[in-house]
Amino acid sequence: MRYLSSILLFCISLTLSAQKADTVKKNYRPTGVRAGIDLVSLILSPVSDEFQGWEGSVDIDFYRYFLVLEAGSWSRDILTEMDVYSNRGNYWRAGVDMNFLNKDPEKNMFFLGFRYANSTFDEQLTNTPTDPVFGVGTNTFTSSGVHASWGELTTGLRVKMWKFFWMGYTIRYKFGLNTNETSGLTPYDVPGYGRTDKNTTWGFSYYMMFRIPLKKEF
């Protein structure tokens, strides 16, 4: 929590400094919508034996603030000597990013933001312990319709590459995971969040995006 408090104080101080220095007339009319796909998921899915998934993102600007919606699909299949674990699910995130390069005529972004995230998934664990007396046994545990939620602090860049084509990344600090499992099987991996054996975790997305202007820009 000490690190989280430090990050929040840093974000607040940057926000206050930016607001104090910004003398441009505020115009909250949206100028464009961007939509894109996460390249990390697309590259990882065909080369990984454990992970399959995709993630998309859409944002729209209101002056220096960007409303963001992200959604994706996630599945894992993990095999060990005695266990087979699998999950399947979908997730979404909604939040806002604040751009600290709002005076850039190209509308490039360096941002700080926040997300509320939610995931729904099924998971299964098959355990095959070996007993010296009874031999090999099999136990199967399943959970269906598990819900999870958490928060994310975000930072990253969005850069205009050519006309309507953009690229950029998002770094995520994930915290406050809450799950509602009822079967007794504690979730091992949550779609969109990752492994649950730590109170906090990090994430990274690298987006290829296209921007649709909503009005003529000068």
C-alpha atoms as a PDB file:
ATOM      1  CA  MET A   1       0.000   0.000   0.000  1.00  0.00           C
ATOM      2  CA  ARG A   2       2.952   2.327   0.561  1.00  0.00           C
ATOM      3  CA  TYR A   3       3.897   2.052  -3.126  1.00  0.00           C
ATOM      4  CA  LEU A   4       0.286   2.596  -4.203  1.00  0.00           C
ATOM      5  CA  SER A   5       0.036   5.734  -2.036  1.00  0.00           C
ATOM      6  CA  SER A   6       3.232   7.087  -3.558  1.00  0.00           C
ATOM      7  CA  ILE A   7       1.923   6.489  -7.092  1.00  0.00           C
ATOM      8  CA  LEU A   8      -1.388   8.192  -6.292  1.00  0.00           C
ATOM      9  CA  LEU A   9       0.369  11.218  -4.784  1.00  0.00           C
ATOM     10  CA  PHE A  10       2.601  11.441  -7.857  1.00  0.00           C
ATOM     11  CA  CYS A  11      -0.410  11.322 -10.187  1.00  0.00           C
ATOM     12  CA  ILE A  12      -2.220  14.006  -8.177  1.00  0.00           C
ATOM     13  CA  SER A  13       0.803  16.307  -8.193  1.00  0.00           C
ATOM     14  CA  LEU A  14       1.195  15.909 -11.975  1.00  0.00           C
ATOM     15  CA  THR A  15      -2.489  16.642 -12.470  1.00  0.00           C
ATOM     16  CA  LEU A  16      -2.386  19.813 -10.374  1.00  0.00           C
ATOM     17  CA  SER A  17       0.785  20.999 -12.110  1.00  0.00           C
ATOM     18  CA  ALA A  18      -0.687  20.372 -15.558  1.00  0.00           C
ATOM     19  CA  GLN A  19      -3.917  22.159 -14.715  1.00  0.00           C
ATOM     20  CA  LYS A  20      -2.034  25.146 -13.337  1.00  0.00           C
ATOM     21  CA  ALA A  21       0.206  25.423 -16.404  1.00  0.00           C
ATOM     22  CA  ASP A  22      -2.537  24.850 -18.987  1.00  0.00           C
ATOM     23  CA  THR A  23      -3.856  28.142 -20.357  1.00  0.00           C
ATOM     24  CA  VAL A  24      -5.416  26.758 -23.558  1.00  0.00           C
ATOM     25  CA  LYS A  25      -9.127  27.347 -23.909  1.00  0.00           C
ATOM     26  CA  LYS A  26     -10.866  24.131 -22.951  1.00  0.00           C
ATOM     27  CA  ASN A  27     -13.003  22.484 -25.624  1.00  0.00           C
ATOM     28  CA  TYR A  28     -14.596  19.245 -24.491  1.00  0.00           C
ATOM     29  CA  ARG A  29     -16.126  18.402 -27.864  1.00  0.00           C
ATOM     30  CA  PRO A  30     -14.722  15.010 -29.034  1.00  0.00           C
ATOM     31  CA  THR A  31     -12.441  15.191 -32.057  1.00  0.00           C
ATOM     32  CA  GLY A  32     -11.914  11.503 -32.814  1.00  0.00           C
ATOM     33  CA  VAL A  33     -12.406   7.863 -31.916  1.00  0.00           C
ATOM     34  CA  ARG A  34      -9.548   5.355 -31.887  1.00  0.00           C
ATOM     35  CA  ALA A  35      -9.938   1.580 -32.060  1.00  0.00           C
ATOM     36  CA  GLY A  36      -7.223  -1.036 -32.011  1.00  0.00           C
ATOM     37  CA  ILE A  37      -5.963  -4.486 -31.133  1.00  0.00           C
ATOM     38  CA  ASP A  38      -3.299  -5.655 -28.686  1.00  0.00           C
ATOM     39  CA  LEU A  39      -0.321  -7.116 -30.566  1.00  0.00           C
ATOM     40  CA  VAL A  40       1.064  -8.903 -27.487  1.00  0.00           C
ATOM     41  CA  SER A  41      -1.952 -11.239 -27.347  1.00  0.00           C
ATOM     42  CA  LEU A  42      -1.926 -11.805 -31.116  1.00  0.00           C
ATOM     43  CA  ILE A  43       1.761 -12.763 -31.101  1.00  0.00           C
ATOM     44  CA  LEU A  44       1.633 -14.850 -27.917  1.00  0.00           C
ATOM     45  CA  SER A  45      -1.419 -16.957 -28.865  1.00  0.00           C
ATOM     46  CA  PRO A  46       0.082 -18.917 -31.814  1.00  0.00           C
ATOM     47  CA  VAL A  47       3.462 -19.524 -30.138  1.00  0.00           C
ATOM     48  CA  SER A  48       2.335 -20.429 -26.602  1.00  0.00           C
ATOM     49  CA  ASP A  49       1.136 -23.867 -25.507  1.00  0.00           C
ATOM     50  CA  GLU A  50      -0.579 -22.362 -22.455  1.00  0.00           C
ATOM     51  CA  PHE A  51      -2.239 -19.113 -23.567  1.00  0.00           C
ATOM     52  CA  GLN A  52      -4.848 -18.178 -26.147  1.00  0.00           C
ATOM     53  CA  GLY A  53      -6.538 -14.804 -26.321  1.00  0.00           C
ATOM     54  CA  TRP A  54      -7.070 -11.373 -27.828  1.00  0.00           C
ATOM     55  CA  GLU A  55      -7.743  -7.848 -26.600  1.00  0.00           C
ATOM     56  CA  GLY A  56      -9.220  -4.739 -28.204  1.00  0.00           C
ATOM     57  CA  SER A  57      -9.403  -1.096 -27.150  1.00  0.00           C
ATOM     58  CA  VAL A  58     -11.543   1.935 -28.024  1.00  0.00           C
ATOM     59  CA  ASP A  59     -11.099   5.499 -26.752  1.00  0.00           C
ATOM     60  CA  ILE A  60     -12.635   8.919 -27.364  1.00  0.00           C
ATOM     61  CA  ASP A  61     -11.224  12.300 -26.354  1.00  0.00           C
ATOM     62  CA  PHE A  62     -12.829  15.084 -24.292  1.00  0.00           C
ATOM     63  CA  TYR A  63     -10.224  17.851 -24.206  1.00  0.00           C
ATOM     64  CA  ARG A  64      -7.265  16.224 -22.416  1.00  0.00           C
ATOM     65  CA  TYR A  65      -9.317  13.312 -21.021  1.00  0.00           C
ATOM     66  CA  PHE A  66      -9.880  10.063 -22.907  1.00  0.00           C
ATOM     67  CA  LEU A  67     -12.692   7.680 -22.031  1.00  0.00           C
ATOM     68  CA  VAL A  68     -11.404   4.141 -22.600  1.00  0.00           C
ATOM     69  CA  LEU A  69     -13.104   0.775 -23.026  1.00  0.00           C
ATOM     70  CA  GLU A  70     -11.050  -2.415 -23.366  1.00  0.00           C
ATOM     71  CA  ALA A  71     -12.310  -5.979 -23.769  1.00  0.00           C
ATOM     72  CA  GLY A  72     -10.812  -9.362 -24.478  1.00  0.00           C
ATOM     73  CA  SER A  73     -10.916 -13.146 -24.305  1.00  0.00           C
ATOM     74  CA  TRP A  74      -8.450 -15.321 -22.372  1.00  0.00           C
ATOM     75  CA  SER A  75      -7.812 -19.025 -21.850  1.00  0.00           C
ATOM     76  CA  ARG A  76      -5.003 -20.989 -20.209  1.00  0.00           C
ATOM     77  CA  ASP A  77      -4.064 -24.676 -20.146  1.00  0.00           C
ATOM     78  CA  ILE A  78      -1.337 -25.495 -17.611  1.00  0.00           C
ATOM     79  CA  LEU A  79       0.037 -29.027 -17.270  1.00  0.00           C
ATOM     80  CA  THR A  80       2.282 -30.264 -14.441  1.00  0.00           C
ATOM     81  CA  GLU A  81       3.289 -33.754 -13.271  1.00  0.00           C
ATOM     82  CA  MET A  82       0.172 -34.177 -11.133  1.00  0.00           C
ATOM     83  CA  ASP A  83      -2.184 -31.376 -12.149  1.00  0.00           C
ATOM     84  CA  VAL A  84      -4.036 -30.155 -15.225  1.00  0.00           C
ATOM     85  CA  TYR A  85      -5.462 -26.647 -14.889  1.00  0.00           C
ATOM     86  CA  SER A  86      -7.558 -24.772 -17.445  1.00  0.00           C
ATOM     87  CA  ASN A  87      -9.721 -21.662 -17.600  1.00  0.00           C
ATOM     88  CA  ARG A  88     -11.835 -19.902 -20.187  1.00  0.00           C
ATOM     89  CA  GLY A  89     -13.320 -16.436 -19.902  1.00  0.00           C
ATOM     90  CA  ASN A  90     -13.846 -12.869 -21.020  1.00  0.00           C
ATOM     91  CA  TYR A  91     -13.030  -9.534 -19.433  1.00  0.00           C
ATOM     92  CA  TRP A  92     -13.531  -5.808 -19.868  1.00  0.00           C
ATOM     93  CA  ARG A  93     -12.033  -2.621 -18.471  1.00  0.00           C
ATOM     94  CA  ALA A  94     -13.464   0.896 -18.394  1.00  0.00           C
ATOM     95  CA  GLY A  95     -11.765   4.079 -17.273  1.00  0.00           C
ATOM     96  CA  VAL A  96     -10.174   7.378 -18.182  1.00  0.00           C
ATOM     97  CA  ASP A  97      -6.707   8.511 -19.292  1.00  0.00           C
ATOM     98  CA  MET A  98      -5.362  12.031 -18.821  1.00  0.00           C
ATOM     99  CA  ASN A  99      -3.083  13.297 -21.607  1.00  0.00           C
ATOM    100  CA  PHE A 100      -0.092  15.436 -20.595  1.00  0.00           C
ATOM    101  CA  LEU A 101       0.703  16.334 -24.233  1.00  0.00           C
ATOM    102  CA  ASN A 102      -2.616  18.010 -24.993  1.00  0.00           C
ATOM    103  CA  LYS A 103      -0.903  20.940 -26.779  1.00  0.00           C
ATOM    104  CA  ASP A 104       0.736  18.631 -29.325  1.00  0.00           C
ATOM    105  CA  PRO A 105      -0.804  19.406 -32.769  1.00  0.00           C
ATOM    106  CA  GLU A 106      -0.356  15.742 -33.764  1.00  0.00           C
ATOM    107  CA  LYS A 107      -2.361  14.708 -30.661  1.00  0.00           C
ATOM    108  CA  ASN A 108       0.327  12.311 -29.425  1.00  0.00           C
ATOM    109  CA  MET A 109      -0.202  11.127 -25.862  1.00  0.00           C
ATOM    110  CA  PHE A 110       1.699  10.539 -22.678  1.00  0.00           C
ATOM    111  CA  PHE A 111      -0.950   9.611 -20.154  1.00  0.00           C
ATOM    112  CA  LEU A 112      -1.809   8.504 -16.652  1.00  0.00           C
ATOM    113  CA  GLY A 113      -5.115   6.814 -15.987  1.00  0.00           C
ATOM    114  CA  PHE A 114      -7.312   4.437 -14.072  1.00  0.00           C
ATOM    115  CA  ARG A 115      -9.371   1.377 -15.004  1.00  0.00           C
ATOM    116  CA  TYR A 116     -12.118  -0.617 -13.326  1.00  0.00           C
ATOM    117  CA  ALA A 117     -11.906  -4.189 -14.613  1.00  0.00           C
ATOM    118  CA  ASN A 118     -14.294  -7.138 -14.517  1.00  0.00           C
ATOM    119  CA  SER A 119     -13.945 -10.759 -15.621  1.00  0.00           C
ATOM    120  CA  THR A 120     -16.268 -13.761 -15.937  1.00  0.00           C
ATOM    121  CA  PHE A 121     -14.785 -17.241 -16.429  1.00  0.00           C
ATOM    122  CA  ASP A 122     -14.928 -20.992 -15.880  1.00  0.00           C
ATOM    123  CA  GLU A 123     -12.020 -23.035 -14.564  1.00  0.00           C
ATOM    124  CA  GLN A 124     -11.135 -26.666 -13.868  1.00  0.00           C
ATOM    125  CA  LEU A 125      -8.399 -28.434 -11.918  1.00  0.00           C
ATOM    126  CA  THR A 126      -7.727 -32.155 -12.300  1.00  0.00           C
ATOM    127  CA  ASN A 127      -5.379 -33.602  -9.688  1.00  0.00           C
ATOM    128  CA  THR A 128      -3.842 -37.087 -10.009  1.00  0.00           C
ATOM    129  CA  PRO A 129      -1.877 -37.783  -6.799  1.00  0.00           C
ATOM    130  CA  THR A 130       0.024 -41.045  -6.389  1.00  0.00           C
ATOM    131  CA  ASP A 131      -0.501 -42.912  -3.113  1.00  0.00           C
ATOM    132  CA  PRO A 132       1.883 -45.785  -2.164  1.00  0.00           C
ATOM    133  CA  VAL A 133      -1.061 -47.874  -0.926  1.00  0.00           C
ATOM    134  CA  PHE A 134      -4.004 -46.968  -3.172  1.00  0.00           C
ATOM    135  CA  GLY A 135      -2.053 -46.072  -6.294  1.00  0.00           C
ATOM    136  CA  VAL A 136      -3.061 -43.268  -8.623  1.00  0.00           C
ATOM    137  CA  GLY A 137      -6.280 -41.369  -7.930  1.00  0.00           C
ATOM    138  CA  THR A 138      -8.051 -38.592  -9.805  1.00  0.00           C
ATOM    139  CA  ASN A 139      -9.839 -35.599  -8.330  1.00  0.00           C
ATOM    140  CA  THR A 140     -11.562 -32.986 -10.454  1.00  0.00           C
ATOM    141  CA  PHE A 141     -12.660 -29.567  -9.213  1.00  0.00           C
ATOM    142  CA  THR A 142     -14.655 -27.114 -11.331  1.00  0.00           C
ATOM    143  CA  SER A 143     -16.003 -23.589 -10.967  1.00  0.00           C
ATOM    144  CA  SER A 144     -18.452 -22.034 -13.419  1.00  0.00           C
ATOM    145  CA  GLY A 145     -19.502 -18.438 -13.821  1.00  0.00           C
ATOM    146  CA  VAL A 146     -16.843 -17.044 -11.524  1.00  0.00           C
ATOM    147  CA  HIS A 147     -16.768 -13.243 -11.357  1.00  0.00           C
ATOM    148  CA  ALA A 148     -13.709 -11.148 -10.552  1.00  0.00           C
ATOM    149  CA  SER A 149     -13.045  -7.418 -10.319  1.00  0.00           C
ATOM    150  CA  TRP A 150      -9.989  -5.250  -9.718  1.00  0.00           C
ATOM    151  CA  GLY A 151      -8.524  -1.803 -10.310  1.00  0.00           C
ATOM    152  CA  GLU A 152      -5.643  -0.646 -12.505  1.00  0.00           C
ATOM    153  CA  LEU A 153      -3.386   2.390 -12.558  1.00  0.00           C
ATOM    154  CA  THR A 154      -2.147   2.962 -16.107  1.00  0.00           C
ATOM    155  CA  THR A 155       0.499   4.902 -17.973  1.00  0.00           C
ATOM    156  CA  GLY A 156       1.792   4.815 -21.507  1.00  0.00           C
ATOM    157  CA  LEU A 157       2.178   6.454 -24.908  1.00  0.00           C
ATOM    158  CA  ARG A 158       0.127   6.832 -28.090  1.00  0.00           C
ATOM    159  CA  VAL A 159       2.024   8.024 -31.180  1.00  0.00           C
ATOM    160  CA  LYS A 160       0.671   8.983 -34.598  1.00  0.00           C
ATOM    161  CA  MET A 161       2.608   6.969 -37.185  1.00  0.00           C
ATOM    162  CA  TRP A 162       0.844   7.956 -40.411  1.00  0.00           C
ATOM    163  CA  LYS A 163      -2.459   9.755 -41.060  1.00  0.00           C
ATOM    164  CA  PHE A 164      -5.056   7.632 -39.225  1.00  0.00           C
ATOM    165  CA  PHE A 165      -2.606   4.937 -38.070  1.00  0.00           C
ATOM    166  CA  TRP A 166      -1.384   4.960 -34.450  1.00  0.00           C
ATOM    167  CA  MET A 167       0.704   2.734 -32.193  1.00  0.00           C
ATOM    168  CA  GLY A 168       1.355   2.799 -28.476  1.00  0.00           C
ATOM    169  CA  TYR A 169       1.625   0.877 -25.255  1.00  0.00           C
ATOM    170  CA  THR A 170      -0.075   0.723 -21.867  1.00  0.00           C
ATOM    171  CA  ILE A 171       1.614  -0.338 -18.628  1.00  0.00           C
ATOM    172  CA  ARG A 172      -0.798  -1.547 -15.933  1.00  0.00           C
ATOM    173  CA  TYR A 173      -0.434  -1.798 -12.165  1.00  0.00           C
ATOM    174  CA  LYS A 174      -3.217  -4.161 -11.090  1.00  0.00           C
ATOM    175  CA  PHE A 175      -4.509  -4.296  -7.531  1.00  0.00           C
ATOM    176  CA  GLY A 176      -7.534  -5.004  -5.334  1.00  0.00           C
ATOM    177  CA  LEU A 177      -8.549  -8.355  -6.880  1.00  0.00           C
ATOM    178  CA  ASN A 178     -11.872  -9.680  -5.611  1.00  0.00           C
ATOM    179  CA  THR A 179     -13.477 -12.997  -6.673  1.00  0.00           C
ATOM    180  CA  ASN A 180     -16.804 -14.652  -5.829  1.00  0.00           C
ATOM    181  CA  GLU A 181     -16.070 -18.368  -6.290  1.00  0.00           C
ATOM    182  CA  THR A 182     -18.522 -20.672  -4.468  1.00  0.00           C
ATOM    183  CA  SER A 183     -17.208 -24.164  -5.268  1.00  0.00           C
ATOM    184  CA  GLY A 184     -14.221 -24.064  -2.899  1.00  0.00           C
ATOM    185  CA  LEU A 185     -11.728 -23.918  -5.784  1.00  0.00           C
ATOM    186  CA  THR A 186      -9.671 -20.767  -5.304  1.00  0.00           C
ATOM    187  CA  PRO A 187      -8.955 -19.177  -8.708  1.00  0.00           C
ATOM    188  CA  TYR A 188      -5.374 -19.652  -9.830  1.00  0.00           C
ATOM    189  CA  ASP A 189      -5.504 -17.446 -12.915  1.00  0.00           C
ATOM    190  CA  VAL A 190      -8.063 -14.737 -13.716  1.00  0.00           C
ATOM    191  CA  PRO A 191      -8.626 -13.705 -17.368  1.00  0.00           C
ATOM    192  CA  GLY A 192      -7.402 -10.154 -17.850  1.00  0.00           C
ATOM    193  CA  TYR A 193      -5.639 -10.116 -14.474  1.00  0.00           C
ATOM    194  CA  GLY A 194      -3.270 -13.087 -14.380  1.00  0.00           C
ATOM    195  CA  ARG A 195      -2.074 -15.261 -11.521  1.00  0.00           C
ATOM    196  CA  THR A 196      -3.666 -14.642  -8.157  1.00  0.00           C
ATOM    197  CA  ASP A 197      -0.796 -15.664  -5.838  1.00  0.00           C
ATOM    198  CA  LYS A 198       0.229 -11.993  -5.352  1.00  0.00           C
ATOM    199  CA  ASN A 199      -1.774  -9.043  -4.066  1.00  0.00           C
ATOM    200  CA  THR A 200      -0.652  -6.897  -7.004  1.00  0.00           C
ATOM    201  CA  THR A 201       0.683  -7.584 -10.472  1.00  0.00           C
ATOM    202  CA  TRP A 202       1.765  -5.797 -13.654  1.00  0.00           C
ATOM    203  CA  GLY A 203       0.478  -5.936 -17.207  1.00  0.00           C
ATOM    204  CA  PHE A 204       1.573  -4.672 -20.614  1.00  0.00           C
ATOM    205  CA  SER A 205      -0.341  -4.070 -23.839  1.00  0.00           C
ATOM    206  CA  TYR A 206       0.995  -2.825 -27.170  1.00  0.00           C
ATOM    207  CA  TYR A 207      -1.716  -1.536 -29.476  1.00  0.00           C
ATOM    208  CA  MET A 208      -2.037  -0.993 -33.189  1.00  0.00           C
ATOM    209  CA  MET A 209      -4.849   1.549 -33.611  1.00  0.00           C
ATOM    210  CA  PHE A 210      -6.808   3.488 -36.218  1.00  0.00           C
ATOM    211  CA  ARG A 211      -8.350   6.900 -35.543  1.00  0.00           C
ATOM    212  CA  ILE A 212     -11.600   8.157 -37.045  1.00  0.00           C
ATOM    213  CA  PRO A 213     -11.920  11.996 -36.923  1.00  0.00           C
ATOM    214  CA  LEU A 214     -15.274  13.305 -35.716  1.00  0.00           C
ATOM    215  CA  LYS A 215     -14.783  16.860 -36.906  1.00  0.00           C
ATOM    216  CA  LYS A 216     -12.408  18.936 -39.003  1.00  0.00           C
ATOM    217  CA  GLU A 217      -9.278  19.760 -37.042  1.00  0.00           C
ATOM    218  CA  PHE A 218      -7.206  22.894 -37.438  1.00  0.00           C
END
